[in-house]
Amino acid sequence: MGPITNLDELLASDRATVTVRETALVLGVDQRTVTHAISNGELPGIRISRRVLVPRLPLVAMLTAPDKVEAA
């Protein structure tokens, strides 16, 4: 099984977590953007030793929720 690269694959997956790289591919942003968003609390993240993973279900919920844009 290769990396998850889009929303359809993310929705179809049964994995509990996805990598920062996979999250970046799904969102269409750089890995550093994902890491920064996790550090700021904008995205959920789990640190296991030196590895950071993103819980799949909360990410799916964020991406499939009705549009809710926060003003900057």
PDB file of N, CA and C in Angstrom:
ATOM      1  N   MET A   1       0.848  -1.180   0.000  1.00  0.00           N
ATOM      2  CA  MET A   1       0.000   0.000   0.000  1.00  0.00           C
ATOM      3  C   MET A   1       0.891   1.240   0.000  1.00  0.00           C
ATOM      4  N   GLY A   2       0.686   2.102  -0.979  1.00  0.00           N
ATOM      5  CA  GLY A   2       1.474   3.314  -1.106  1.00  0.00           C
ATOM      6  C   GLY A   2       0.928   4.435  -0.242  1.00  0.00           C
ATOM      7  N   PRO A   3       1.544   5.586  -0.356  1.00  0.00           N
ATOM      8  CA  PRO A   3       1.093   6.724   0.445  1.00  0.00           C
ATOM      9  C   PRO A   3      -0.281   7.233  -0.005  1.00  0.00           C
ATOM     10  N   ILE A   4      -0.991   7.811   0.927  1.00  0.00           N
ATOM     11  CA  ILE A   4      -2.274   8.447   0.644  1.00  0.00           C
ATOM     12  C   ILE A   4      -1.962   9.800   0.012  1.00  0.00           C
ATOM     13  N   THR A   5      -2.556  10.062  -1.164  1.00  0.00           N
ATOM     14  CA  THR A   5      -2.203  11.287  -1.877  1.00  0.00           C
ATOM     15  C   THR A   5      -3.379  12.212  -2.156  1.00  0.00           C
ATOM     16  N   ASN A   6      -4.608  11.757  -1.862  1.00  0.00           N
ATOM     17  CA  ASN A   6      -5.758  12.625  -2.123  1.00  0.00           C
ATOM     18  C   ASN A   6      -6.890  12.312  -1.143  1.00  0.00           C
ATOM     19  N   LEU A   7      -7.921  13.133  -1.173  1.00  0.00           N
ATOM     20  CA  LEU A   7      -9.021  13.007  -0.225  1.00  0.00           C
ATOM     21  C   LEU A   7      -9.761  11.685  -0.388  1.00  0.00           C
ATOM     22  N   ASP A   8      -9.952  11.225  -1.611  1.00  0.00           N
ATOM     23  CA  ASP A   8     -10.650   9.951  -1.818  1.00  0.00           C
ATOM     24  C   ASP A   8      -9.908   8.791  -1.162  1.00  0.00           C
ATOM     25  N   GLU A   9      -8.592   8.773  -1.300  1.00  0.00           N
ATOM     26  CA  GLU A   9      -7.792   7.726  -0.659  1.00  0.00           C
ATOM     27  C   GLU A   9      -7.846   7.852   0.859  1.00  0.00           C
ATOM     28  N   LEU A  10      -7.849   9.080   1.359  1.00  0.00           N
ATOM     29  CA  LEU A  10      -7.943   9.307   2.797  1.00  0.00           C
ATOM     30  C   LEU A  10      -9.269   8.784   3.332  1.00  0.00           C
ATOM     31  N   LEU A  11     -10.350   9.060   2.613  1.00  0.00           N
ATOM     32  CA  LEU A  11     -11.676   8.600   3.030  1.00  0.00           C
ATOM     33  C   LEU A  11     -11.780   7.077   2.987  1.00  0.00           C
ATOM     34  N   ALA A  12     -11.145   6.447   2.015  1.00  0.00           N
ATOM     35  CA  ALA A  12     -11.229   4.997   1.841  1.00  0.00           C
ATOM     36  C   ALA A  12     -10.300   4.229   2.778  1.00  0.00           C
ATOM     37  N   SER A  13      -9.325   4.906   3.351  1.00  0.00           N
ATOM     38  CA  SER A  13      -8.340   4.243   4.194  1.00  0.00           C
ATOM     39  C   SER A  13      -8.947   3.782   5.510  1.00  0.00           C
ATOM     40  N   ASP A  14      -8.372   2.713   6.071  1.00  0.00           N
ATOM     41  CA  ASP A  14      -8.790   2.252   7.394  1.00  0.00           C
ATOM     42  C   ASP A  14      -7.685   2.489   8.426  1.00  0.00           C
ATOM     43  N   ARG A  15      -6.651   3.210   8.025  1.00  0.00           N
ATOM     44  CA  ARG A  15      -5.541   3.502   8.947  1.00  0.00           C
ATOM     45  C   ARG A  15      -5.972   4.505  10.009  1.00  0.00           C
ATOM     46  N   ALA A  16      -5.400   4.381  11.182  1.00  0.00           N
ATOM     47  CA  ALA A  16      -5.723   5.301  12.279  1.00  0.00           C
ATOM     48  C   ALA A  16      -5.039   6.652  12.109  1.00  0.00           C
ATOM     49  N   THR A  17      -3.869   6.650  11.498  1.00  0.00           N
ATOM     50  CA  THR A  17      -3.108   7.886  11.332  1.00  0.00           C
ATOM     51  C   THR A  17      -2.532   7.977   9.930  1.00  0.00           C
ATOM     52  N   VAL A  18      -2.154   9.193   9.559  1.00  0.00           N
ATOM     53  CA  VAL A  18      -1.436   9.429   8.312  1.00  0.00           C
ATOM     54  C   VAL A  18      -0.185  10.236   8.648  1.00  0.00           C
ATOM     55  N   THR A  19       0.781  10.188   7.757  1.00  0.00           N
ATOM     56  CA  THR A  19       2.026  10.908   7.993  1.00  0.00           C
ATOM     57  C   THR A  19       1.859  12.389   7.667  1.00  0.00           C
ATOM     58  N   VAL A  20       2.825  13.158   8.106  1.00  0.00           N
ATOM     59  CA  VAL A  20       2.844  14.587   7.768  1.00  0.00           C
ATOM     60  C   VAL A  20       2.942  14.737   6.254  1.00  0.00           C
ATOM     61  N   ARG A  21       3.744  13.912   5.605  1.00  0.00           N
ATOM     62  CA  ARG A  21       3.894  13.955   4.141  1.00  0.00           C
ATOM     63  C   ARG A  21       2.560  13.679   3.458  1.00  0.00           C
ATOM     64  N   GLU A  22       1.860  12.644   3.893  1.00  0.00           N
ATOM     65  CA  GLU A  22       0.564  12.320   3.295  1.00  0.00           C
ATOM     66  C   GLU A  22      -0.445  13.443   3.513  1.00  0.00           C
ATOM     67  N   THR A  23      -0.443  14.011   4.713  1.00  0.00           N
ATOM     68  CA  THR A  23      -1.343  15.127   5.003  1.00  0.00           C
ATOM     69  C   THR A  23      -1.051  16.297   4.071  1.00  0.00           C
ATOM     70  N   ALA A  24       0.225  16.576   3.855  1.00  0.00           N
ATOM     71  CA  ALA A  24       0.613  17.661   2.949  1.00  0.00           C
ATOM     72  C   ALA A  24       0.145  17.377   1.526  1.00  0.00           C
ATOM     73  N   LEU A  25       0.269  16.130   1.085  1.00  0.00           N
ATOM     74  CA  LEU A  25      -0.185  15.770  -0.269  1.00  0.00           C
ATOM     75  C   LEU A  25      -1.691  15.962  -0.410  1.00  0.00           C
ATOM     76  N   VAL A  26      -2.453  15.524   0.587  1.00  0.00           N
ATOM     77  CA  VAL A  26      -3.910  15.658   0.542  1.00  0.00           C
ATOM     78  C   VAL A  26      -4.311  17.128   0.533  1.00  0.00           C
ATOM     79  N   LEU A  27      -3.643  17.929   1.345  1.00  0.00           N
ATOM     80  CA  LEU A  27      -3.990  19.347   1.446  1.00  0.00           C
ATOM     81  C   LEU A  27      -3.394  20.202   0.328  1.00  0.00           C
ATOM     82  N   GLY A  28      -2.397  19.660  -0.369  1.00  0.00           N
ATOM     83  CA  GLY A  28      -1.753  20.422  -1.439  1.00  0.00           C
ATOM     84  C   GLY A  28      -0.845  21.512  -0.925  1.00  0.00           C
ATOM     85  N   VAL A  29      -0.200  21.246   0.221  1.00  0.00           N
ATOM     86  CA  VAL A  29       0.717  22.224   0.816  1.00  0.00           C
ATOM     87  C   VAL A  29       2.053  21.548   1.111  1.00  0.00           C
ATOM     88  N   ASP A  30       3.021  22.326   1.512  1.00  0.00           N
ATOM     89  CA  ASP A  30       4.337  21.815   1.871  1.00  0.00           C
ATOM     90  C   ASP A  30       4.283  21.116   3.228  1.00  0.00           C
ATOM     91  N   GLN A  31       5.157  20.145   3.443  1.00  0.00           N
ATOM     92  CA  GLN A  31       5.221  19.436   4.723  1.00  0.00           C
ATOM     93  C   GLN A  31       5.491  20.389   5.885  1.00  0.00           C
ATOM     94  N   ARG A  32       6.273  21.422   5.648  1.00  0.00           N
ATOM     95  CA  ARG A  32       6.562  22.390   6.716  1.00  0.00           C
ATOM     96  C   ARG A  32       5.313  23.152   7.135  1.00  0.00           C
ATOM     97  N   THR A  33       4.410  23.383   6.195  1.00  0.00           N
ATOM     98  CA  THR A  33       3.143  24.038   6.511  1.00  0.00           C
ATOM     99  C   THR A  33       2.319  23.165   7.442  1.00  0.00           C
ATOM    100  N   VAL A  34       2.295  21.861   7.174  1.00  0.00           N
ATOM    101  CA  VAL A  34       1.561  20.924   8.036  1.00  0.00           C
ATOM    102  C   VAL A  34       2.199  20.884   9.419  1.00  0.00           C
ATOM    103  N   THR A  35       3.520  20.783   9.471  1.00  0.00           N
ATOM    104  CA  THR A  35       4.222  20.748  10.762  1.00  0.00           C
ATOM    105  C   THR A  35       3.947  22.014  11.561  1.00  0.00           C
ATOM    106  N   HIS A  36       3.948  23.157  10.889  1.00  0.00           N
ATOM    107  CA  HIS A  36       3.661  24.432  11.551  1.00  0.00           C
ATOM    108  C   HIS A  36       2.215  24.454  12.067  1.00  0.00           C
ATOM    109  N   ALA A  37       1.274  23.959  11.264  1.00  0.00           N
ATOM    110  CA  ALA A  37      -0.133  23.936  11.675  1.00  0.00           C
ATOM    111  C   ALA A  37      -0.335  23.019  12.879  1.00  0.00           C
ATOM    112  N   ILE A  38       0.390  21.921  12.936  1.00  0.00           N
ATOM    113  CA  ILE A  38       0.306  21.027  14.097  1.00  0.00           C
ATOM    114  C   ILE A  38       0.866  21.735  15.329  1.00  0.00           C
ATOM    115  N   SER A  39       2.000  22.398  15.165  1.00  0.00           N
ATOM    116  CA  SER A  39       2.620  23.122  16.289  1.00  0.00           C
ATOM    117  C   SER A  39       1.709  24.222  16.824  1.00  0.00           C
ATOM    118  N   ASN A  40       0.938  24.863  15.934  1.00  0.00           N
ATOM    119  CA  ASN A  40       0.031  25.952  16.323  1.00  0.00           C
ATOM    120  C   ASN A  40      -1.323  25.453  16.809  1.00  0.00           C
ATOM    121  N   GLY A  41      -1.566  24.151  16.713  1.00  0.00           N
ATOM    122  CA  GLY A  41      -2.847  23.608  17.138  1.00  0.00           C
ATOM    123  C   GLY A  41      -3.935  23.707  16.082  1.00  0.00           C
ATOM    124  N   GLU A  42      -3.569  24.090  14.868  1.00  0.00           N
ATOM    125  CA  GLU A  42      -4.546  24.198  13.787  1.00  0.00           C
ATOM    126  C   GLU A  42      -4.904  22.828  13.210  1.00  0.00           C
ATOM    127  N   LEU A  43      -3.991  21.885  13.312  1.00  0.00           N
ATOM    128  CA  LEU A  43      -4.215  20.498  12.900  1.00  0.00           C
ATOM    129  C   LEU A  43      -3.868  19.596  14.079  1.00  0.00           C
ATOM    130  N   PRO A  44      -4.596  18.484  14.234  1.00  0.00           N
ATOM    131  CA  PRO A  44      -4.257  17.558  15.312  1.00  0.00           C
ATOM    132  C   PRO A  44      -2.990  16.786  14.966  1.00  0.00           C
ATOM    133  N   GLY A  45      -2.202  16.495  15.957  1.00  0.00           N
ATOM    134  CA  GLY A  45      -0.979  15.726  15.735  1.00  0.00           C
ATOM    135  C   GLY A  45      -0.642  14.878  16.937  1.00  0.00           C
ATOM    136  N   ILE A  46       0.009  13.755  16.677  1.00  0.00           N
ATOM    137  CA  ILE A  46       0.453  12.854  17.729  1.00  0.00           C
ATOM    138  C   ILE A  46       1.951  12.660  17.563  1.00  0.00           C
ATOM    139  N   ARG A  47       2.713  12.946  18.606  1.00  0.00           N
ATOM    140  CA  ARG A  47       4.163  12.729  18.550  1.00  0.00           C
ATOM    141  C   ARG A  47       4.472  11.385  19.189  1.00  0.00           C
ATOM    142  N   ILE A  48       5.156  10.538  18.447  1.00  0.00           N
ATOM    143  CA  ILE A  48       5.639   9.260  18.955  1.00  0.00           C
ATOM    144  C   ILE A  48       7.139   9.260  18.722  1.00  0.00           C
ATOM    145  N   SER A  49       7.872   9.450  19.802  1.00  0.00           N
ATOM    146  CA  SER A  49       9.316   9.604  19.735  1.00  0.00           C
ATOM    147  C   SER A  49       9.610  10.819  18.855  1.00  0.00           C
ATOM    148  N   ARG A  50      10.328  10.632  17.744  1.00  0.00           N
ATOM    149  CA  ARG A  50      10.636  11.756  16.858  1.00  0.00           C
ATOM    150  C   ARG A  50       9.648  11.875  15.704  1.00  0.00           C
ATOM    151  N   ARG A  51       8.738  10.935  15.610  1.00  0.00           N
ATOM    152  CA  ARG A  51       7.790  10.912  14.497  1.00  0.00           C
ATOM    153  C   ARG A  51       6.490  11.637  14.865  1.00  0.00           C
ATOM    154  N   VAL A  52       5.953  12.392  13.912  1.00  0.00           N
ATOM    155  CA  VAL A  52       4.679  13.082  14.111  1.00  0.00           C
ATOM    156  C   VAL A  52       3.670  12.493  13.129  1.00  0.00           C
ATOM    157  N   LEU A  53       2.512  12.095  13.655  1.00  0.00           N
ATOM    158  CA  LEU A  53       1.442  11.534  12.844  1.00  0.00           C
ATOM    159  C   LEU A  53       0.174  12.357  13.033  1.00  0.00           C
ATOM    160  N   VAL A  54      -0.698  12.300  12.048  1.00  0.00           N
ATOM    161  CA  VAL A  54      -1.964  13.030  12.099  1.00  0.00           C
ATOM    162  C   VAL A  54      -3.086  12.000  12.202  1.00  0.00           C
ATOM    163  N   PRO A  55      -3.938  12.096  13.225  1.00  0.00           N
ATOM    164  CA  PRO A  55      -5.072  11.168  13.326  1.00  0.00           C
ATOM    165  C   PRO A  55      -5.992  11.339  12.112  1.00  0.00           C
ATOM    166  N   ARG A  56      -6.307  10.222  11.446  1.00  0.00           N
ATOM    167  CA  ARG A  56      -7.064  10.273  10.192  1.00  0.00           C
ATOM    168  C   ARG A  56      -8.493  10.777  10.383  1.00  0.00           C
ATOM    169  N   LEU A  57      -9.211  10.261  11.362  1.00  0.00           N
ATOM    170  CA  LEU A  57     -10.629  10.634  11.503  1.00  0.00           C
ATOM    171  C   LEU A  57     -10.833  12.122  11.800  1.00  0.00           C
ATOM    172  N   PRO A  58     -10.070  12.730  12.722  1.00  0.00           N
ATOM    173  CA  PRO A  58     -10.236  14.178  12.902  1.00  0.00           C
ATOM    174  C   PRO A  58      -9.881  14.977  11.642  1.00  0.00           C
ATOM    175  N   LEU A  59      -8.876  14.507  10.882  1.00  0.00           N
ATOM    176  CA  LEU A  59      -8.520  15.188   9.640  1.00  0.00           C
ATOM    177  C   LEU A  59      -9.655  15.077   8.630  1.00  0.00           C
ATOM    178  N   VAL A  60     -10.235  13.890   8.500  1.00  0.00           N
ATOM    179  CA  VAL A  60     -11.378  13.693   7.605  1.00  0.00           C
ATOM    180  C   VAL A  60     -12.534  14.604   8.025  1.00  0.00           C
ATOM    181  N   ALA A  61     -12.799  14.670   9.315  1.00  0.00           N
ATOM    182  CA  ALA A  61     -13.885  15.517   9.815  1.00  0.00           C
ATOM    183  C   ALA A  61     -13.649  16.987   9.458  1.00  0.00           C
ATOM    184  N   MET A  62     -12.407  17.431   9.587  1.00  0.00           N
ATOM    185  CA  MET A  62     -12.081  18.815   9.252  1.00  0.00           C
ATOM    186  C   MET A  62     -12.291  19.087   7.762  1.00  0.00           C
ATOM    187  N   LEU A  63     -11.940  18.121   6.930  1.00  0.00           N
ATOM    188  CA  LEU A  63     -11.994  18.319   5.483  1.00  0.00           C
ATOM    189  C   LEU A  63     -13.389  18.125   4.892  1.00  0.00           C
ATOM    190  N   THR A  64     -14.240  17.416   5.609  1.00  0.00           N
ATOM    191  CA  THR A  64     -15.575  17.146   5.070  1.00  0.00           C
ATOM    192  C   THR A  64     -16.675  17.934   5.765  1.00  0.00           C
ATOM    193  N   ALA A  65     -16.321  18.733   6.757  1.00  0.00           N
ATOM    194  CA  ALA A  65     -17.301  19.561   7.455  1.00  0.00           C
ATOM    195  C   ALA A  65     -17.804  20.647   6.507  1.00  0.00           C
ATOM    196  N   PRO A  66     -19.041  21.108   6.732  1.00  0.00           N
ATOM    197  CA  PRO A  66     -19.526  22.230   5.908  1.00  0.00           C
ATOM    198  C   PRO A  66     -18.549  23.389   5.997  1.00  0.00           C
ATOM    199  N   ASP A  67     -18.440  24.124   4.912  1.00  0.00           N
ATOM    200  CA  ASP A  67     -17.479  25.236   4.853  1.00  0.00           C
ATOM    201  C   ASP A  67     -17.621  26.144   6.057  1.00  0.00           C
ATOM    202  N   LYS A  68     -16.499  26.331   6.723  1.00  0.00           N
ATOM    203  CA  LYS A  68     -16.448  27.215   7.880  1.00  0.00           C
ATOM    204  C   LYS A  68     -15.106  27.908   7.824  1.00  0.00           C
ATOM    205  N   VAL A  69     -15.106  29.125   7.339  1.00  0.00           N
ATOM    206  CA  VAL A  69     -13.876  29.887   7.185  1.00  0.00           C
ATOM    207  C   VAL A  69     -13.784  30.874   8.331  1.00  0.00           C
ATOM    208  N   GLU A  70     -12.626  30.866   9.006  1.00  0.00           N
ATOM    209  CA  GLU A  70     -12.411  31.810  10.092  1.00  0.00           C
ATOM    210  C   GLU A  70     -11.768  33.059   9.539  1.00  0.00           C
ATOM    211  N   ALA A  71     -12.228  34.189  10.008  1.00  0.00           N
ATOM    212  CA  ALA A  71     -11.644  35.461   9.579  1.00  0.00           C
ATOM    213  C   ALA A  71     -10.270  35.631  10.195  1.00  0.00           C
ATOM    214  N   ALA A  72      -9.352  36.148   9.407  1.00  0.00           N
ATOM    215  CA  ALA A  72      -7.972  36.346   9.880  1.00  0.00           C
ATOM    216  C   ALA A  72      -7.855  37.613  10.672  1.00  0.00           C
TER     217      ALA A  72
END
